[in-house]
Amino acid sequence: MNIPHHPGSAALVAGYETDGVVRVPGFLQPDEVAAARAELDRYIREDLPSLPPDARTLEKDDHTVRNLWRLEKYNEFFRALGGRRDILALIAPLVNGDPVLCAVETFNKPARIGSGVPYHQDNAYFCQTPPD
């Protein structure tokens, strides 16, 4: 769903409550997206090889990165991104309270490419109480 960015707007909250997801075009500026992509590339190339295996999931070729996990633990750039005030202000009305950073992660593949994942609820992994 495309909703103009107005933190706490009724349309944003209604879209999230209906669909479980919202898209906020233009929320990040192009230079911010470019910086995040550059940091991901650098992180995969320079940092990931020395991190524990649970920092990533690889595709069946044992080379291509499918997911990156715990970026907030291993990388200051992504820890700071997850704690940005504008991001927290956007999320707060959606979760009916103060957001708590529990994970910064990536899914590094286009839809319908590579291995599939069965439908699931992420809280099966995060175990948050209450689960909303």
Protein backbone atom coordinates (compact mmCIF):
# COMPACT_ATOMS: atom_id res chain seq x y z
CA MET A 1 0.00 0.00 0.00
CA ASN A 2 1.34 3.46 -0.88
CA ILE A 3 0.66 6.08 1.77
CA PRO A 4 2.20 9.55 1.93
CA HIS A 5 4.58 9.89 4.89
CA HIS A 6 2.84 11.49 7.83
CA PRO A 7 3.89 9.75 11.07
CA GLY A 8 0.80 8.79 12.99
CA SER A 9 -1.55 9.65 10.15
CA ALA A 10 -4.82 7.77 10.20
CA ALA A 11 -4.17 6.45 6.67
CA LEU A 12 -0.76 5.07 7.64
CA VAL A 13 -2.08 3.33 10.75
CA ALA A 14 -5.17 2.01 8.95
CA GLY A 15 -3.03 0.65 6.13
CA TYR A 16 -0.76 -1.11 8.58
CA GLU A 17 -3.66 -2.54 10.57
CA THR A 18 -5.34 -3.79 7.38
CA ASP A 19 -2.33 -5.08 5.44
CA GLY A 20 0.36 -5.59 8.08
CA VAL A 21 2.76 -3.53 5.99
CA VAL A 22 2.99 -0.03 4.55
CA ARG A 23 5.20 1.45 1.87
CA VAL A 24 6.36 5.01 2.42
CA PRO A 25 7.85 6.31 -0.85
CA GLY A 26 10.56 8.91 -0.40
CA PHE A 27 11.00 8.22 3.31
CA LEU A 28 14.72 7.70 2.76
CA GLN A 29 16.50 10.06 0.42
CA PRO A 30 18.36 8.57 -2.58
CA ASP A 31 21.74 9.35 -1.00
CA GLU A 32 20.68 7.52 2.20
CA VAL A 33 19.67 4.45 0.19
CA ALA A 34 22.98 4.61 -1.72
CA ALA A 35 24.91 4.84 1.56
CA ALA A 36 23.06 1.81 2.98
CA ARG A 37 23.74 -0.21 -0.17
CA ALA A 38 27.41 0.76 -0.13
CA GLU A 39 27.69 -0.20 3.55
CA LEU A 40 26.00 -3.56 2.88
CA ASP A 41 28.45 -4.28 0.07
CA ARG A 42 31.39 -3.31 2.27
CA TYR A 43 30.07 -5.31 5.22
CA ILE A 44 29.62 -8.47 3.11
CA ARG A 45 33.05 -8.08 1.54
CA GLU A 46 35.11 -7.00 4.57
CA ASP A 47 33.33 -7.89 7.83
CA LEU A 48 31.16 -10.91 7.18
CA PRO A 49 33.97 -13.42 6.59
CA SER A 50 35.21 -12.93 10.17
CA LEU A 51 31.79 -13.09 11.86
CA PRO A 52 30.09 -16.17 13.33
CA PRO A 53 28.14 -18.32 10.85
CA ASP A 54 24.82 -17.25 12.40
CA ALA A 55 25.40 -13.70 11.09
CA ARG A 56 24.19 -14.87 7.68
CA THR A 57 22.35 -17.49 5.69
CA LEU A 58 23.84 -18.57 2.39
CA GLU A 59 22.12 -19.96 -0.68
CA LYS A 60 22.74 -23.57 -1.67
CA ASP A 61 25.90 -22.56 -3.54
CA ASP A 62 27.49 -21.78 -0.12
CA HIS A 63 28.68 -18.43 -1.49
CA THR A 64 25.71 -16.17 -2.28
CA VAL A 65 24.34 -14.33 0.76
CA ARG A 66 20.62 -14.92 1.19
CA ASN A 67 20.12 -13.11 4.52
CA LEU A 68 22.15 -11.04 6.94
CA TRP A 69 21.22 -11.28 10.61
CA ARG A 70 22.02 -9.21 13.70
CA LEU A 71 23.37 -6.21 11.81
CA GLU A 72 22.59 -4.07 14.87
CA LYS A 73 25.03 -6.22 16.83
CA TYR A 74 27.87 -6.26 14.31
CA ASN A 75 27.65 -2.91 12.50
CA GLU A 76 27.41 0.62 13.88
CA PHE A 77 25.92 2.04 10.64
CA PHE A 78 22.92 -0.29 10.81
CA ARG A 79 22.58 0.00 14.59
CA ALA A 80 22.33 3.78 14.14
CA LEU A 81 19.91 3.40 11.22
CA GLY A 82 17.64 1.22 13.37
CA GLY A 83 17.63 3.88 16.07
CA ARG A 84 16.95 6.94 13.92
CA ARG A 85 14.35 9.24 15.45
CA ASP A 86 12.43 9.64 12.18
CA ILE A 87 12.19 5.87 11.76
CA LEU A 88 11.09 5.40 15.37
CA ALA A 89 8.51 8.20 14.96
CA LEU A 90 7.12 6.46 11.87
CA ILE A 91 6.87 3.10 13.66
CA ALA A 92 5.53 4.23 17.06
CA PRO A 93 1.88 4.74 16.05
CA LEU A 94 1.91 1.46 14.13
CA VAL A 95 2.93 -0.55 17.20
CA ASN A 96 0.93 1.53 19.69
CA GLY A 97 3.96 2.49 21.75
CA ASP A 98 7.68 3.06 21.80
CA PRO A 99 9.48 0.82 19.28
CA VAL A 100 12.31 -1.35 20.56
CA LEU A 101 15.04 -2.38 18.13
CA CYS A 102 15.19 -6.16 18.20
CA ALA A 103 16.78 -6.92 14.82
CA VAL A 104 18.27 -5.32 11.74
CA GLU A 105 18.34 -7.89 8.96
CA THR A 106 18.31 -8.15 5.19
CA PHE A 107 16.75 -10.40 2.59
CA ASN A 108 19.22 -10.21 -0.28
CA LYS A 109 17.29 -11.79 -3.10
CA PRO A 110 14.57 -10.78 -5.50
CA ALA A 111 11.19 -12.45 -5.21
CA ARG A 112 10.89 -15.85 -6.91
CA ILE A 113 14.69 -16.19 -7.23
CA GLY A 114 16.71 -18.68 -5.18
CA SER A 115 15.30 -20.87 -2.45
CA GLY A 116 11.81 -20.29 -1.09
CA VAL A 117 10.65 -19.78 2.47
CA PRO A 118 7.35 -21.14 3.78
CA TYR A 119 4.81 -18.63 5.05
CA HIS A 120 5.49 -17.84 8.70
CA GLN A 121 5.12 -15.25 11.43
CA ASP A 122 8.43 -13.66 12.42
CA ASN A 123 7.41 -13.69 16.06
CA ALA A 124 7.92 -17.45 16.01
CA TYR A 125 11.62 -16.48 15.99
CA PHE A 126 11.54 -13.26 18.05
CA CYS A 127 9.16 -14.53 20.78
CA GLN A 128 7.92 -11.06 21.72
CA THR A 129 5.22 -10.74 24.38
CA PRO A 130 2.68 -9.46 23.60
CA PRO A 131 3.13 -10.64 20.00
CA ASP A 132 1.96 -7.41 18.38
